[in-house]
């Protein structure tokens, strides 16, 4: 083994040893041994605050925690499906149909195949896509598919442009406008 190879091995070993020693020093300075001993001490609930924010503040004050300042304390506004009038109006309008997919975050409602007559060979499927949260006619896209079957294995599915599409849009927008008006009046 050459001298150069021995020096490289010694350098790797020295680097590894220094990293281990520094790691032990840092862990010891964190009071890891004391913290491990404190795990088994019972907590007196009469003196410990129940509120997690108070408990966290007390732990930081006593040096048993880490504070990141105001990081992560910003307020976030979430809009849930119950606060979206278009979403609510769409669900109320097609509530008579079985729904296959309802995904608020994806902005889509897809019904299952539906037939209002006894003839199961003719059915429709409705898809409502939300393009915006505003109550406007261009905020939703409605697609109606028609399925006509001659036998169980031979079905033809086509997108249709019928009055159903326009009536649904009109009904959804009317209900959404009413819901939005109710929400605004109740917030005053």
Protein backbone atom coordinates (compact mmCIF):
# COMPACT_ATOMS: atom_id res chain seq x y z
CA UNK A 1 0.00 0.00 0.00
CA UNK A 2 1.43 3.31 -1.00
CA UNK A 3 1.96 6.28 1.26
CA UNK A 4 -0.68 8.27 -0.62
CA UNK A 5 -3.35 5.61 0.00
CA UNK A 6 -2.45 5.48 3.70
CA UNK A 7 -2.78 9.28 3.94
CA UNK A 8 -6.20 9.19 2.24
CA UNK A 9 -7.45 6.48 4.62
CA UNK A 10 -6.10 8.38 7.64
CA UNK A 11 -7.80 11.59 6.43
CA UNK A 12 -11.15 9.77 6.04
CA UNK A 13 -10.83 8.24 9.50
CA UNK A 14 -9.88 11.59 11.04
CA UNK A 15 -12.82 13.33 9.34
CA UNK A 16 -15.21 10.62 10.53
CA UNK A 17 -13.84 10.85 14.09
CA UNK A 18 -14.21 14.65 14.15
CA UNK A 19 -17.80 14.43 12.94
CA UNK A 20 -18.65 11.86 15.63
CA UNK A 21 -17.01 13.96 18.36
CA UNK A 22 -18.77 17.14 17.27
CA UNK A 23 -22.08 15.29 17.12
CA UNK A 24 -21.64 14.02 20.66
CA UNK A 25 -20.69 17.50 21.90
CA UNK A 26 -23.77 19.05 20.27
CA UNK A 27 -26.08 16.35 21.61
CA UNK A 28 -24.62 16.71 25.09
CA UNK A 29 -24.97 20.51 25.03
CA UNK A 30 -28.65 20.11 24.12
CA UNK A 31 -29.17 18.32 27.40
CA UNK A 32 -30.18 15.07 25.73
CA UNK A 33 -29.29 13.06 28.82
CA UNK A 34 -31.46 15.28 31.04
CA UNK A 35 -34.34 15.17 28.56
CA UNK A 36 -34.22 11.38 28.45
CA UNK A 37 -34.31 11.31 32.25
CA UNK A 38 -37.28 13.75 32.30
CA UNK A 39 -39.37 11.47 30.07
CA UNK A 40 -40.08 9.09 32.93
CA UNK A 41 -41.02 11.75 35.47
CA UNK A 42 -44.78 11.93 35.96
CA UNK A 43 -46.50 15.20 35.06
CA UNK A 44 -48.71 16.88 37.63
CA UNK A 45 -51.79 17.98 35.67
CA UNK A 46 -52.76 20.43 38.41
CA UNK A 47 -49.73 22.60 37.61
CA UNK A 48 -49.50 21.91 33.87
CA UNK A 49 -51.66 24.12 31.62
CA UNK A 50 -54.17 22.27 29.45
CA UNK A 51 -54.06 24.80 26.62
CA UNK A 52 -51.37 23.70 24.15
CA UNK A 53 -50.35 27.29 23.36
CA UNK A 54 -49.81 28.06 27.06
CA UNK A 55 -47.91 24.80 27.53
CA UNK A 56 -45.67 25.55 24.53
CA UNK A 57 -45.00 29.09 25.79
CA UNK A 58 -44.10 27.77 29.25
CA UNK A 59 -41.77 25.14 27.77
CA UNK A 60 -39.99 27.77 25.67
CA UNK A 61 -39.70 30.07 28.70
CA UNK A 62 -38.15 27.23 30.72
CA UNK A 63 -35.74 26.43 27.89
CA UNK A 64 -37.34 23.12 26.94
CA UNK A 65 -38.41 24.05 23.43
CA UNK A 66 -37.56 25.98 20.33
CA UNK A 67 -39.26 29.13 19.15
CA UNK A 68 -39.26 30.03 15.48
CA UNK A 69 -40.60 33.53 16.10
CA UNK A 70 -43.64 34.41 14.02
CA UNK A 71 -42.89 31.80 11.39
CA UNK A 72 -46.08 29.95 10.52
CA UNK A 73 -48.37 32.33 12.41
CA UNK A 74 -49.84 33.99 9.33
CA UNK A 75 -53.58 33.68 8.94
CA UNK A 76 -54.86 31.67 5.99
CA UNK A 77 -58.28 32.03 4.47
CA UNK A 78 -59.83 28.77 3.36
CA UNK A 79 -62.82 28.59 1.10
CA UNK A 80 -64.83 25.47 1.78
CA UNK A 81 -67.48 24.02 -0.45
CA UNK A 82 -70.21 25.25 1.90
CA UNK A 83 -69.18 28.85 1.24
CA UNK A 84 -69.24 28.52 -2.55
CA UNK A 85 -72.75 29.31 -3.84
CA UNK A 86 -72.14 27.78 -7.30
CA UNK A 87 -71.04 24.51 -5.74
CA UNK A 88 -73.98 24.35 -3.35
CA UNK A 89 -76.48 25.30 -6.06
CA UNK A 90 -75.11 22.62 -8.40
CA UNK A 91 -75.41 19.92 -5.76
CA UNK A 92 -78.95 21.03 -4.87
CA UNK A 93 -79.98 21.08 -8.52
CA UNK A 94 -78.78 17.57 -9.39
CA UNK A 95 -79.47 15.99 -5.99
CA UNK A 96 -82.03 13.62 -7.57
CA UNK A 97 -79.27 11.88 -9.54
CA UNK A 98 -76.76 9.39 -8.14
CA UNK A 99 -73.32 11.00 -8.11
CA UNK A 100 -70.22 9.15 -9.25
CA UNK A 101 -67.56 11.80 -8.52
CA UNK A 102 -67.75 14.90 -6.34
CA UNK A 103 -64.41 16.68 -6.06
CA UNK A 104 -64.45 20.22 -4.75
CA UNK A 105 -60.70 20.74 -5.01
CA UNK A 106 -60.76 19.52 -8.61
CA UNK A 107 -63.88 21.55 -9.36
CA UNK A 108 -65.98 18.78 -10.85
CA UNK A 109 -69.25 16.97 -10.19
CA UNK A 110 -70.00 13.89 -12.29
CA UNK A 111 -73.28 12.04 -12.00
CA UNK A 112 -73.74 8.36 -12.58
CA UNK A 113 -75.85 7.14 -15.48
CA UNK A 114 -79.45 8.14 -14.83
CA UNK A 115 -82.71 7.20 -16.46
CA UNK A 116 -86.05 8.59 -15.32
CA UNK A 117 -88.02 5.97 -17.24
CA UNK A 118 -88.18 2.21 -16.95
CA UNK A 119 -86.10 1.89 -20.12
CA UNK A 120 -82.55 1.29 -18.86
CA UNK A 121 -81.25 1.30 -22.45
CA UNK A 122 -81.47 5.11 -22.59
CA UNK A 123 -79.64 7.08 -19.88
CA UNK A 124 -77.86 10.39 -19.37
CA UNK A 125 -74.75 11.39 -17.44
CA UNK A 126 -74.08 14.99 -16.37
CA UNK A 127 -70.69 16.58 -15.72
CA UNK A 128 -70.45 20.01 -14.11
CA UNK A 129 -67.03 21.68 -14.25
CA UNK A 130 -66.30 24.81 -12.25
CA UNK A 131 -64.13 27.31 -14.08
CA UNK A 132 -64.46 30.07 -11.47
CA UNK A 133 -66.04 30.70 -8.07
CA UNK A 134 -67.93 33.75 -9.33
CA UNK A 135 -71.64 33.46 -10.01
CA UNK A 136 -71.56 34.03 -13.78
CA UNK A 137 -72.77 32.02 -16.74
CA UNK A 138 -69.22 31.36 -17.94
CA UNK A 139 -68.13 30.05 -14.51
CA UNK A 140 -69.54 26.58 -15.09
CA UNK A 141 -69.38 24.15 -17.98
CA UNK A 142 -72.07 21.52 -18.21
CA UNK A 143 -71.62 18.42 -20.36
CA UNK A 144 -74.45 15.98 -20.94
CA UNK A 145 -73.76 12.50 -22.32
CA UNK A 146 -76.44 10.21 -23.64
CA UNK A 147 -76.11 6.42 -23.63
CA UNK A 148 -78.30 4.35 -25.96
CA UNK A 149 -77.94 0.62 -25.75
CA UNK A 150 -79.25 -1.91 -28.23
CA UNK A 151 -78.09 -4.77 -26.03
CA UNK A 152 -76.04 -5.08 -22.84
CA UNK A 153 -72.75 -5.08 -24.75
CA UNK A 154 -73.64 -2.71 -27.57
CA UNK A 155 -73.95 0.86 -26.25
CA UNK A 156 -73.41 4.14 -28.03
CA UNK A 157 -72.37 7.15 -25.91
CA UNK A 158 -72.50 10.68 -27.32
CA UNK A 159 -72.27 14.19 -25.95
CA UNK A 160 -75.56 15.92 -26.59
CA UNK A 161 -76.46 19.57 -26.81
CA UNK A 162 -80.01 19.50 -25.48
CA UNK A 163 -82.34 21.66 -23.45
CA UNK A 164 -81.22 19.76 -20.34
CA UNK A 165 -77.85 21.54 -20.46
CA UNK A 166 -79.40 25.00 -20.73
CA UNK A 167 -82.08 24.34 -18.12
CA UNK A 168 -79.48 23.03 -15.67
CA UNK A 169 -77.26 26.09 -16.19
CA UNK A 170 -80.23 28.42 -15.68
CA UNK A 171 -81.37 26.58 -12.54
CA UNK A 172 -77.86 26.43 -11.03
CA UNK A 173 -77.16 30.12 -11.68
CA UNK A 174 -80.55 31.17 -10.27
CA UNK A 175 -80.02 29.16 -7.07
CA UNK A 176 -76.43 30.35 -6.76
CA UNK A 177 -77.49 33.99 -7.07
CA UNK A 178 -80.10 33.47 -4.33
CA UNK A 179 -77.58 31.72 -2.07
CA UNK A 180 -75.02 34.47 -2.63
CA UNK A 181 -77.61 37.13 -1.83
CA UNK A 182 -78.60 35.28 1.38
CA UNK A 183 -74.96 34.96 2.42
CA UNK A 184 -74.29 38.67 1.86
CA UNK A 185 -77.41 39.71 3.78
CA UNK A 186 -76.60 37.40 6.70
CA UNK A 187 -73.03 38.77 6.92
CA UNK A 188 -74.28 42.34 7.42
